[in-house]
Amino acid sequence: MQCLIMSRLRSAVAKGKTGRRKTVEIVIPTRKRPKTSVKEEQIATSVPSSLYHTFSDPAEVVRLRSQLLSWYDKDKRELQWRTLALTESDINIRTYAVWVSEIMLQQTQVATVKDYYNRWMKRWPTVQDLAAATIEEVNQMWAGLGYYSRGRRLHEGAQKVVSELKGQMPRTVDDLLKQLPGVGRYTAAAIGSIALGQVTGAVDGNVIRVLCRLRAIGADSTSPGVTEALWGLANLLVERERPGDFNQAMMELGARICTPKGPLCSQCPVQSHCRSYHKVRVKQELKAKKLLGKLDVPDIEDCMNSGTCPLCPSEPWDDQLGVQNFPRKPVKKAPRVERTLTCVVTRPGEEGGEEYLLIRRPNKGLLAGLWEFPSLLLQDDDTEVKQKRALSDKVNRILNTCLNEHLLQYVGEVVHIFSHIHQTYVVYNLCLKERDVTQTQTEKQQWVTRSALQETAVSTGLKKIVTLFEKVDSLNGKTSKDGKRQMPEGLKNDKRLQRTKKCRSTSADGGGRQLSLSSYFKTVKEERS
């Protein structure tokens, strides 16, 4: 199949030498889809474009491969998954190790992934080890890495490999794509080339940027036509003897040199092949000669079909952007704004300190399967009284009790940004001074100590909430030089927090942080009599 792809691509390039405008049909193996989807894809993959946007000279391709791999061999970062891919002789372990790294690296920086990857592989060095783990252990290991469905899919995939594939990882790009949950076109190509030596290009965000600048592709890089053109370029360029190293070199180039902002063009090993860089230099020279009054201005090589070519930019060139004119991405959709009520419910621990009430989130959706404080989505028209009543009702249902909403004390607000949600947590606290409202631990709720909380599968947002709660809680004992209590930074002007502080100092139990349940019911009885 790969040979067929390359043969068709070379044939199209060869025919294109007789004219500036040709139709290059790029065929990439994908999952089987309904007939309507296949038809739409065939239309999208017939990309009429100028040879300006491809590599028509085989000698140039050879030079680019050599220059890029020489740079990679000399300057590449030493990463654990790369070492395993090169040194591990067991193809099953090697494929598993690369699979784990590629899933972790999805939309996550290398610096963040390093420690997570090392801990993961130390605990679960084989696919069989991962399959034997519980989803709770996986979520706990993944906590803080974000995009939590990735960890769950790794676990599901490992269990499938053990139960359905006799413990053998898939051996081809096509099988990786079909048989492993959460593995898409790029991930299958990356694993196939790096772990299995299959000759295939791999197009991720870094590679998209590199290819768009090399060949001055300025159209929407997320559109189907441009996507197929980029995959065609990647498959044309990939080194046949070292496909895995070549793909990683392309990614490394995009991550360290050909960056989204502030690209280091002077350090680029393939600068001589870059149409974007050439265009910038010619424009600079053109401006300089015009200022000097010289008439012999250089000619800017450009796409002959600019204006009708589907790979050319639709927006005018911006001199300030330079090579960053490529690629032009569509404007991102603004993240959804949400406000969530959250209650930090605490009780005395058996061995001192406090315990926190945690509730498990549903197994599907945002932060699936992680633990959180009792929470509910805040409606825009909710008043503070309604907020507290709704939140106390939620806590009462969980604890199977009847606590008044006035027992909730306002703590503050925490902002946490997801990729598609701008989340603000409005945080309250309910402190139980006795252990008489207790349920046994269940699959959906548990009480944990502060130290155990650090080892539990919770989100970064929850950890921020705990940090805020502990800052506010420390007000009881923190004083300044003049004897006055100090407010944590960022909370000094919060009027609701000041009201909470005043309320605590005048509470019915003599100034304690919160009423005990027995004191609360006694007070209610006296008020009613």
Protein backbone atom coordinates (compact mmCIF):
# COMPACT_ATOMS: atom_id res chain seq x y z
CA MET A 1 0.00 0.00 0.00
CA GLN A 2 2.79 2.42 0.91
CA CYS A 3 4.58 1.74 -2.37
CA LEU A 4 1.32 2.39 -4.22
CA ILE A 5 0.89 5.71 -2.42
CA MET A 6 4.41 6.85 -3.28
CA SER A 7 4.12 5.63 -6.87
CA ARG A 8 0.94 7.64 -7.44
CA LEU A 9 2.39 10.72 -5.78
CA ARG A 10 5.61 10.58 -7.84
CA SER A 11 3.57 10.01 -10.99
CA ALA A 12 1.44 13.05 -10.25
CA VAL A 13 4.56 15.14 -9.61
CA ALA A 14 6.18 13.96 -12.83
CA LYS A 15 3.10 14.83 -14.87
CA GLY A 16 2.98 18.21 -13.17
CA LYS A 17 6.31 19.21 -14.76
CA THR A 18 4.49 19.80 -18.06
CA GLY A 19 2.27 22.49 -16.54
CA ARG A 20 2.13 24.74 -13.47
CA ARG A 21 -1.34 23.62 -12.39
CA LYS A 22 -2.20 19.97 -11.88
CA THR A 23 -4.45 17.88 -9.67
CA VAL A 24 -2.49 15.78 -7.19
CA GLU A 25 -4.55 12.95 -5.74
CA ILE A 26 -3.29 11.80 -2.34
CA VAL A 27 -4.54 8.48 -0.97
CA ILE A 28 -3.94 7.71 2.69
CA PRO A 29 -5.14 4.48 4.38
CA THR A 30 -7.86 5.20 6.93
CA ARG A 31 -10.46 3.29 8.88
CA LYS A 32 -13.40 1.92 6.94
CA ARG A 33 -16.24 4.42 7.02
CA PRO A 34 -19.79 4.64 5.70
CA LYS A 35 -19.98 5.11 1.92
CA THR A 36 -21.07 8.74 2.26
CA SER A 37 -18.01 9.56 4.38
CA VAL A 38 -15.67 7.84 1.92
CA LYS A 39 -17.15 9.81 -0.95
CA GLU A 40 -16.72 13.08 0.90
CA GLU A 41 -13.10 12.14 1.73
CA GLN A 42 -12.34 11.33 -1.92
CA ILE A 43 -13.60 14.75 -2.95
CA ALA A 44 -11.50 16.41 -0.23
CA THR A 45 -8.32 14.56 -1.16
CA SER A 46 -8.32 15.70 -4.81
CA VAL A 47 -6.33 18.88 -4.23
CA PRO A 48 -5.70 21.08 -7.27
CA SER A 49 -2.48 22.86 -6.36
CA SER A 50 0.72 24.25 -7.80
CA LEU A 51 3.99 22.32 -7.63
CA TYR A 52 5.17 25.30 -5.58
CA HIS A 53 3.63 23.60 -2.53
CA THR A 54 5.35 20.22 -2.92
CA PHE A 55 8.82 18.75 -3.53
CA SER A 56 9.19 18.03 -7.24
CA ASP A 57 12.96 17.41 -7.19
CA PRO A 58 13.94 14.00 -5.74
CA ALA A 59 17.47 15.28 -5.06
CA GLU A 60 16.06 18.02 -2.86
CA VAL A 61 14.15 15.44 -0.83
CA VAL A 62 17.35 13.43 -0.31
CA ARG A 63 19.23 16.53 0.87
CA LEU A 64 16.45 17.52 3.26
CA ARG A 65 16.36 14.06 4.83
CA SER A 66 20.12 14.03 5.30
CA GLN A 67 20.29 17.54 6.79
CA LEU A 68 17.40 16.94 9.18
CA LEU A 69 18.65 13.57 10.45
CA SER A 70 22.21 14.87 10.89
CA TRP A 71 20.86 17.68 13.07
CA TYR A 72 18.65 15.25 15.00
CA ASP A 73 21.47 12.80 15.67
CA LYS A 74 23.60 15.62 17.05
CA ASP A 75 21.09 17.75 18.96
CA LYS A 76 18.10 15.58 19.88
CA ARG A 77 16.82 15.51 23.46
CA GLU A 78 17.47 12.31 25.38
CA LEU A 79 14.02 11.05 26.39
CA GLN A 80 13.18 7.78 28.11
CA TRP A 81 10.66 6.64 25.48
CA ARG A 82 13.18 7.25 22.71
CA THR A 83 15.77 5.22 24.55
CA LEU A 84 13.31 2.36 25.02
CA ALA A 85 12.33 2.48 21.34
CA LEU A 86 15.99 2.05 20.35
CA THR A 87 17.21 -0.41 22.98
CA GLU A 88 14.23 -2.65 23.86
CA SER A 89 14.47 -5.89 21.90
CA ASP A 90 11.02 -7.18 22.90
CA ILE A 91 8.70 -5.79 20.21
CA ASN A 92 5.69 -6.07 22.53
CA ILE A 93 7.28 -3.98 25.28
CA ARG A 94 8.72 -1.55 22.74
CA THR A 95 5.34 -0.96 21.09
CA TYR A 96 3.62 -0.60 24.47
CA ALA A 97 6.25 1.90 25.68
CA VAL A 98 5.90 4.09 22.59
CA TRP A 99 2.10 3.86 22.78
CA VAL A 100 2.12 5.16 26.37
CA SER A 101 4.44 8.03 25.46
CA GLU A 102 2.38 9.10 22.44
CA ILE A 103 -0.86 9.13 24.44
CA MET A 104 0.74 11.16 27.24
CA LEU A 105 2.24 13.62 24.76
CA GLN A 106 -1.13 14.44 23.19
CA GLN A 107 -1.62 18.19 23.82
CA THR A 108 0.91 18.04 26.68
CA GLN A 109 4.46 19.39 26.78
CA VAL A 110 7.45 17.05 26.95
CA ALA A 111 8.70 18.65 30.19
CA THR A 112 5.40 17.79 31.90
CA VAL A 113 5.27 14.25 30.55
CA LYS A 114 8.78 13.13 31.60
CA ASP A 115 8.11 12.41 35.27
CA TYR A 116 4.66 10.94 34.63
CA TYR A 117 6.08 8.59 32.00
CA ASN A 118 8.93 7.39 34.22
CA ARG A 119 6.56 6.70 37.14
CA TRP A 120 4.08 4.95 34.87
CA MET A 121 6.64 2.66 33.26
CA LYS A 122 8.21 1.84 36.61
CA ARG A 123 4.84 0.75 37.98
CA TRP A 124 3.45 -0.89 34.81
CA PRO A 125 6.41 -1.88 32.58
CA THR A 126 4.31 -4.19 30.36
CA VAL A 127 0.84 -4.12 28.86
CA GLN A 128 -0.08 -7.06 31.09
CA ASP A 129 0.85 -5.05 34.20
CA LEU A 130 -1.36 -2.17 33.10
CA ALA A 131 -4.26 -4.47 32.28
CA ALA A 132 -4.13 -5.88 35.82
CA ALA A 133 -4.37 -2.41 37.42
CA THR A 134 -7.64 -0.87 38.56
CA ILE A 135 -9.09 2.24 36.93
CA GLU A 136 -8.74 3.97 40.31
CA GLU A 137 -4.99 3.30 40.29
CA VAL A 138 -4.73 4.58 36.70
CA ASN A 139 -6.67 7.77 37.49
CA GLN A 140 -4.51 8.30 40.55
CA MET A 141 -1.32 7.96 38.49
CA TRP A 142 -2.72 10.28 35.80
CA ALA A 143 -3.95 12.97 38.24
CA GLY A 144 -2.66 16.40 37.26
CA LEU A 145 -1.71 15.45 33.69
CA GLY A 146 -5.04 16.61 32.24
CA TYR A 147 -7.30 15.20 29.51
CA TYR A 148 -8.12 12.31 31.83
CA SER A 149 -9.90 10.20 29.22
CA ARG A 150 -6.44 9.40 27.80
CA GLY A 151 -5.47 7.37 30.86
CA ARG A 152 -8.77 5.53 30.83
CA ARG A 153 -8.35 4.61 27.17
CA LEU A 154 -4.83 3.34 27.78
CA HIS A 155 -6.22 1.10 30.50
CA GLU A 156 -9.09 -0.08 28.28
CA GLY A 157 -6.65 -0.74 25.45
CA ALA A 158 -4.34 -2.77 27.67
CA GLN A 159 -7.23 -4.91 28.87
CA LYS A 160 -8.32 -5.46 25.26
CA VAL A 161 -4.80 -6.49 24.22
CA VAL A 162 -4.66 -9.04 27.03
CA SER A 163 -8.20 -10.40 26.72
CA GLU A 164 -8.76 -10.24 22.94
CA LEU A 165 -5.32 -10.13 21.34
CA LYS A 166 -3.60 -12.75 23.50
CA GLY A 167 -1.34 -10.14 25.06
CA GLN A 168 0.23 -9.16 21.73
CA MET A 169 0.31 -5.49 20.73
CA PRO A 170 -0.87 -4.78 17.14
CA ARG A 171 1.96 -5.04 14.59
CA THR A 172 0.81 -2.67 11.82
CA VAL A 173 -0.39 0.92 11.54
CA ASP A 174 -3.78 -0.26 10.32
CA ASP A 175 -4.20 -2.69 13.23
CA LEU A 176 -3.11 -0.06 15.76
CA LEU A 177 -5.77 2.24 14.34
CA LYS A 178 -8.50 -0.40 14.41
CA GLN A 179 -7.74 -2.24 17.63
CA LEU A 180 -6.64 0.34 20.23
CA PRO A 181 -9.18 2.78 21.71
CA GLY A 182 -8.09 6.42 21.57
CA VAL A 183 -5.54 5.78 18.81
CA GLY A 184 -6.09 7.97 15.76
CA ARG A 185 -4.33 8.48 12.48
CA TYR A 186 -1.30 10.34 13.83
CA THR A 187 -0.81 8.14 16.91
CA ALA A 188 -0.99 4.94 14.86
CA ALA A 189 1.56 6.33 12.37
CA ALA A 190 3.90 7.48 15.15
CA ILE A 191 3.82 4.13 16.96
CA GLY A 192 4.13 2.23 13.68
CA SER A 193 7.17 4.17 12.49
CA ILE A 194 8.99 4.53 15.84
CA ALA A 195 8.35 1.12 17.42
CA LEU A 196 7.74 -1.07 14.36
CA GLY A 197 9.86 0.63 11.68
CA GLN A 198 6.97 1.02 9.27
CA VAL A 199 7.55 3.54 6.48
CA THR A 200 4.87 6.14 7.05
CA GLY A 201 4.79 9.85 7.71
CA ALA A 202 3.29 11.21 10.92
CA VAL A 203 1.55 14.58 11.06
CA ASP A 204 1.03 16.25 14.44
CA GLY A 205 0.78 19.95 15.33
CA ASN A 206 4.54 20.48 15.14
CA VAL A 207 4.83 18.75 11.78
CA ILE A 208 1.90 20.75 10.39
CA ARG A 209 3.75 23.97 11.22
CA VAL A 210 7.06 22.76 9.73
CA LEU A 211 5.49 21.55 6.48
CA CYS A 212 3.33 24.65 6.05
CA ARG A 213 6.39 26.89 6.36
CA LEU A 214 8.62 24.70 4.19
CA ARG A 215 6.12 24.78 1.32
CA ALA A 216 4.33 28.09 2.06
CA ILE A 217 0.95 26.49 2.72
CA GLY A 218 -1.21 29.23 4.18
CA ALA A 219 -4.75 27.90 3.86
CA ASP A 220 -6.64 26.68 6.93
CA SER A 221 -4.45 23.86 8.23
CA THR A 222 -7.46 22.12 9.78
CA SER A 223 -9.40 21.83 6.52
CA PRO A 224 -9.71 18.35 4.93
CA GLY A 225 -7.90 19.35 1.72
CA VAL A 226 -4.90 20.85 3.49
CA THR A 227 -4.79 17.94 5.95
CA GLU A 228 -4.54 15.41 3.12
CA ALA A 229 -1.91 17.50 1.32
CA LEU A 230 0.22 17.59 4.49
CA TRP A 231 -0.05 13.84 4.95
CA GLY A 232 1.00 13.42 1.33
CA LEU A 233 4.07 15.59 1.94
CA ALA A 234 4.95 13.69 5.12
CA ASN A 235 4.76 10.36 3.29
CA LEU A 236 6.88 11.74 0.44
CA LEU A 237 9.63 13.05 2.73
CA VAL A 238 9.89 10.25 5.32
CA GLU A 239 13.28 8.46 5.28
CA ARG A 240 12.81 4.84 4.24
CA GLU A 241 15.61 3.41 6.36
CA ARG A 242 14.85 5.45 9.52
CA PRO A 243 11.15 6.37 9.45
CA GLY A 244 10.82 6.61 13.22
CA ASP A 245 13.85 8.86 13.63
CA PHE A 246 12.77 11.04 10.71
CA ASN A 247 9.27 11.58 12.15
CA GLN A 248 10.69 12.37 15.57
CA ALA A 249 13.18 14.76 13.95
CA MET A 250 10.32 16.63 12.27
CA MET A 251 8.50 16.88 15.60
CA GLU A 252 11.68 17.97 17.37
CA LEU A 253 12.28 20.65 14.74
CA GLY A 254 8.78 22.03 15.27
CA ALA A 255 9.05 21.90 19.06
CA ARG A 256 12.47 23.55 19.40
CA ILE A 257 13.32 25.51 16.24
CA CYS A 258 10.28 26.10 14.04
CA THR A 259 8.16 27.23 16.99
CA PRO A 260 4.75 28.97 16.80
CA LYS A 261 6.25 32.24 18.02
CA GLY A 262 9.84 33.41 17.78
CA PRO A 263 11.09 30.68 15.40
CA LEU A 264 14.88 30.27 15.33
CA CYS A 265 15.31 30.33 11.56
CA SER A 266 19.07 30.95 11.78
CA GLN A 267 19.45 27.56 13.54
CA CYS A 268 17.18 25.59 11.23
CA PRO A 269 18.96 22.64 9.54
CA VAL A 270 16.55 22.72 6.55
CA GLN A 271 16.46 26.49 6.10
CA SER A 272 17.56 26.24 2.46
CA HIS A 273 14.37 24.31 1.63
CA CYS A 274 12.00 26.74 3.35
CA ARG A 275 9.86 28.81 1.00
CA SER A 276 8.60 30.96 3.90
CA TYR A 277 12.14 31.88 4.97
CA HIS A 278 13.12 32.61 1.36
CA LYS A 279 10.09 34.87 0.93
CA VAL A 280 10.96 36.84 4.08
CA ARG A 281 14.57 37.35 2.95
CA VAL A 282 13.55 38.49 -0.54
CA LYS A 283 11.00 40.95 0.85
CA GLN A 284 13.62 42.37 3.21
CA GLU A 285 16.08 42.76 0.34
CA LEU A 286 13.39 44.33 -1.81
CA LYS A 287 12.63 46.96 0.84
CA ALA A 288 16.31 47.74 1.29
CA LYS A 289 16.89 48.28 -2.46
CA LYS A 290 13.80 50.43 -2.78
CA LEU A 291 15.09 52.66 0.01
CA LEU A 292 18.41 53.00 -1.85
CA GLY A 293 16.63 53.81 -5.10
CA LYS A 294 17.91 50.74 -6.93
CA LEU A 295 15.78 49.41 -9.78
CA ASP A 296 17.07 45.83 -9.96
CA VAL A 297 14.78 44.28 -7.39
CA PRO A 298 14.81 40.53 -6.79
CA ASP A 299 11.97 38.35 -8.01
CA ILE A 300 9.83 36.62 -5.38
CA GLU A 301 9.14 33.04 -6.30
CA ASP A 302 5.51 32.38 -5.57
CA CYS A 303 2.62 30.10 -6.41
CA MET A 304 1.54 30.73 -10.00
CA ASN A 305 -2.07 30.02 -9.06
CA SER A 306 -2.21 32.32 -6.05
CA GLY A 307 -5.78 33.46 -5.62
CA THR A 308 -7.27 30.19 -6.82
CA CYS A 309 -4.88 27.67 -5.25
CA PRO A 310 -6.52 25.90 -2.27
CA LEU A 311 -3.21 25.76 -0.39
CA CYS A 312 -2.33 29.45 -0.66
CA PRO A 313 -3.26 31.86 2.15
CA SER A 314 -6.55 33.71 1.77
CA GLU A 315 -5.26 36.61 3.87
CA PRO A 316 -2.64 39.14 2.69
CA TRP A 317 1.01 38.79 3.72
CA ASP A 318 1.87 40.44 7.04
CA ASP A 319 5.48 41.69 7.13
CA GLN A 320 5.49 41.74 10.94
CA LEU A 321 4.70 38.03 11.10
CA GLY A 322 7.40 36.89 8.70
CA VAL A 323 7.49 33.09 8.50
CA GLN A 324 4.68 33.07 11.06
CA ASN A 325 2.34 33.88 8.17
CA PHE A 326 2.35 30.09 7.80
CA PRO A 327 0.28 28.35 8.89
CA ARG A 328 -2.73 30.58 9.39
CA LYS A 329 -5.08 28.93 11.84
CA PRO A 330 -8.78 29.74 12.16
CA VAL A 331 -9.81 31.84 15.14
CA LYS A 332 -10.35 29.61 18.14
CA LYS A 333 -13.82 29.37 19.55
CA ALA A 334 -13.99 31.15 22.89
CA PRO A 335 -14.12 28.72 25.84
CA ARG A 336 -17.47 28.19 27.49
CA VAL A 337 -17.81 30.14 30.74
CA GLU A 338 -19.12 28.20 33.73
CA ARG A 339 -19.48 28.83 37.44
CA THR A 340 -19.72 25.84 39.78
CA LEU A 341 -20.76 25.76 43.42
CA THR A 342 -18.43 23.59 45.50
CA CYS A 343 -18.58 22.65 49.16
CA VAL A 344 -15.52 21.55 51.13
CA VAL A 345 -17.08 19.29 53.76
CA THR A 346 -14.72 18.42 56.61
CA ARG A 347 -14.94 16.44 59.84
CA PRO A 348 -12.48 15.54 62.63
CA GLY A 349 -10.15 12.70 61.72
CA GLU A 350 -9.71 9.61 63.86
CA GLU A 351 -6.07 10.46 64.50
CA GLY A 352 -6.35 14.23 64.60
CA GLY A 353 -6.49 16.66 61.72
CA GLU A 354 -9.41 16.85 59.31
CA GLU A 355 -10.97 14.53 56.79
CA TYR A 356 -12.50 15.68 53.49
CA LEU A 357 -15.66 14.32 51.87
CA LEU A 358 -15.06 13.32 48.23
CA ILE A 359 -17.57 12.24 45.60
CA ARG A 360 -16.66 10.30 42.45
CA ARG A 361 -17.56 11.89 39.12
CA PRO A 362 -19.43 9.89 36.43
CA ASN A 363 -17.38 7.50 34.31
CA LYS A 364 -17.99 9.54 31.17
CA GLY A 365 -17.53 13.20 30.35
CA LEU A 366 -15.26 15.87 31.83
CA LEU A 367 -12.83 14.56 34.52
CA ALA A 368 -14.46 11.14 34.22
CA GLY A 369 -14.00 8.91 37.26
CA LEU A 370 -12.05 11.46 39.31
CA TRP A 371 -12.93 12.49 42.85
CA GLU A 372 -14.29 15.95 43.68
CA PHE A 373 -16.00 17.91 46.44
CA PRO A 374 -19.84 18.02 46.35
CA SER A 375 -20.56 20.40 43.48
CA LEU A 376 -23.29 21.66 41.18
CA LEU A 377 -23.46 24.02 38.22
CA LEU A 378 -24.38 27.57 39.15
CA GLN A 379 -27.28 29.20 37.32
CA ASP A 380 -26.83 32.82 36.21
CA ASP A 381 -29.88 34.10 38.06
CA ASP A 382 -29.11 32.39 41.39
CA THR A 383 -28.84 34.69 44.38
CA GLU A 384 -26.41 33.91 47.19
CA VAL A 385 -29.32 32.59 49.31
CA LYS A 386 -30.41 30.27 46.50
CA GLN A 387 -26.83 29.13 45.97
CA LYS A 388 -26.39 28.11 49.59
CA ARG A 389 -29.77 26.42 49.72
CA ALA A 390 -29.08 24.39 46.56
CA LEU A 391 -25.62 23.41 47.76
CA SER A 392 -26.84 22.43 51.22
CA ASP A 393 -29.58 20.30 49.63
CA LYS A 394 -26.89 18.52 47.62
CA VAL A 395 -24.77 17.86 50.73
CA ASN A 396 -27.83 16.71 52.69
CA ARG A 397 -28.67 14.15 50.01
CA ILE A 398 -25.12 12.83 50.10
CA LEU A 399 -24.94 12.66 53.91
CA ASN A 400 -28.59 11.63 54.33
CA THR A 401 -29.14 14.36 56.90
CA CYS A 402 -30.87 17.72 57.28
CA LEU A 403 -28.43 20.58 57.73
CA ASN A 404 -29.44 24.23 57.41
CA GLU A 405 -27.88 26.26 54.58
CA HIS A 406 -26.77 28.88 57.13
CA LEU A 407 -24.09 26.45 58.26
CA LEU A 408 -22.28 26.93 54.95
CA GLN A 409 -19.46 29.46 55.14
CA TYR A 410 -18.21 31.27 52.05
CA VAL A 411 -14.52 30.64 51.31
CA GLY A 412 -13.78 32.35 47.98
CA GLU A 413 -13.47 31.68 44.27
CA VAL A 414 -11.00 29.63 42.24
CA VAL A 415 -10.50 29.95 38.48
CA HIS A 416 -9.36 26.93 36.48
CA ILE A 417 -9.03 26.89 32.67
CA PHE A 418 -9.80 23.75 30.70
CA SER A 419 -9.18 23.62 26.94
CA HIS A 420 -12.82 24.47 26.22
CA ILE A 421 -14.18 25.73 29.56
CA HIS A 422 -13.34 28.78 31.65
CA GLN A 423 -14.37 27.39 35.03
CA THR A 424 -14.88 29.39 38.23
CA TYR A 425 -15.45 27.43 41.42
CA VAL A 426 -17.48 29.30 44.06
CA VAL A 427 -16.24 27.62 47.22
CA TYR A 428 -18.11 27.12 50.51
CA ASN A 429 -17.14 25.16 53.60
CA LEU A 430 -19.19 22.97 55.93
CA CYS A 431 -17.25 21.91 59.01
CA LEU A 432 -18.73 19.03 61.03
CA LYS A 433 -17.32 19.15 64.52
CA GLU A 434 -18.38 15.59 65.33
CA ARG A 435 -18.15 12.28 63.48
CA ASP A 436 -21.85 11.53 63.95
CA VAL A 437 -22.73 12.20 60.31
CA THR A 438 -20.76 9.41 58.70
CA GLN A 439 -21.37 6.92 55.97
CA THR A 440 -19.20 3.94 55.31
CA GLN A 441 -16.84 4.25 52.36
CA THR A 442 -18.53 3.39 49.06
CA GLU A 443 -17.52 3.33 45.41
CA LYS A 444 -19.01 6.80 44.97
CA GLN A 445 -18.02 8.61 48.16
CA GLN A 446 -15.23 8.54 50.71
CA TRP A 447 -13.62 10.51 53.54
CA VAL A 448 -9.88 11.11 53.16
CA THR A 449 -7.23 12.81 55.25
CA ARG A 450 -5.20 15.74 53.96
CA SER A 451 -2.19 13.51 53.28
CA ALA A 452 -4.33 10.87 51.55
CA LEU A 453 -5.87 13.57 49.38
CA GLN A 454 -2.50 14.07 47.70
CA GLU A 455 -2.49 10.43 46.60
CA THR A 456 -6.11 10.35 45.45
CA ALA A 457 -7.20 10.71 41.83
CA VAL A 458 -8.29 14.33 41.92
CA SER A 459 -8.02 17.17 39.41
CA THR A 460 -5.71 20.17 39.49
CA GLY A 461 -8.79 22.33 40.01
CA LEU A 462 -9.62 20.51 43.25
CA LYS A 463 -6.05 20.98 44.49
CA LYS A 464 -6.43 24.71 43.88
CA ILE A 465 -9.63 24.67 45.93
CA VAL A 466 -7.85 22.94 48.81
CA THR A 467 -5.06 25.51 48.69
CA LEU A 468 -7.57 28.37 48.90
CA PHE A 469 -9.49 26.69 51.72
CA GLU A 470 -6.34 26.16 53.78
CA LYS A 471 -5.28 29.80 53.28
CA VAL A 472 -8.62 31.05 54.55
CA ASP A 473 -8.70 28.49 57.36
CA SER A 474 -5.31 29.68 58.55
CA LEU A 475 -6.74 33.15 59.27
CA ASN A 476 -7.76 31.94 62.72
CA GLY A 477 -4.15 31.81 63.86
CA LYS A 478 -2.28 34.21 61.57
CA THR A 479 -1.65 37.72 62.93
CA SER A 480 0.47 40.68 61.84
CA LYS A 481 2.96 42.68 63.93
CA ASP A 482 0.21 45.01 65.16
CA GLY A 483 -1.82 42.08 66.42
CA LYS A 484 -4.43 42.16 63.64
CA ARG A 485 -5.31 39.10 61.59
CA GLN A 486 -3.97 39.08 58.08
CA MET A 487 -5.87 38.19 54.92
CA PRO A 488 -4.18 36.08 52.24
CA GLU A 489 -3.16 37.94 49.10
CA GLY A 490 -6.01 38.33 46.65
CA LEU A 491 -8.70 37.98 49.32
CA LYS A 492 -8.29 41.26 51.24
CA ASN A 493 -11.11 43.02 49.41
CA ASP A 494 -13.55 40.14 49.38
CA LYS A 495 -16.55 41.46 51.33
CA ARG A 496 -18.27 38.08 51.53
CA LEU A 497 -15.16 36.59 53.14
CA GLN A 498 -15.09 39.43 55.68
CA ARG A 499 -18.75 38.77 56.49
CA THR A 500 -17.90 35.09 56.92
CA LYS A 501 -15.08 35.94 59.30
CA LYS A 502 -17.42 38.16 61.36
CA CYS A 503 -20.06 35.45 61.37
CA ARG A 504 -17.57 32.90 62.67
CA SER A 505 -16.46 35.14 65.53
CA THR A 506 -20.06 35.59 66.72
CA SER A 507 -21.38 32.06 66.19
CA ALA A 508 -23.55 30.37 68.78
CA ASP A 509 -20.88 27.95 69.96
CA GLY A 510 -18.75 30.74 71.46
CA GLY A 511 -16.63 31.80 68.48
CA GLY A 512 -15.68 28.39 67.10
CA ARG A 513 -15.34 27.81 63.39
CA GLN A 514 -18.65 25.98 63.10
CA LEU A 515 -21.48 24.55 65.15
CA SER A 516 -21.34 20.91 66.13
CA LEU A 517 -24.44 18.99 65.08
CA SER A 518 -25.62 18.56 68.65
CA SER A 519 -25.19 22.30 69.34
CA TYR A 520 -26.96 23.14 66.09
CA PHE A 521 -30.06 21.05 66.79
CA LYS A 522 -30.14 22.35 70.39
CA THR A 523 -30.09 25.95 69.12
CA VAL A 524 -32.85 25.26 66.59
CA LYS A 525 -35.01 23.69 69.34
CA GLU A 526 -34.56 26.73 71.62
CA GLU A 527 -35.47 29.09 68.77
CA ARG A 528 -38.69 27.20 68.05
CA SER A 529 -39.84 26.93 71.72
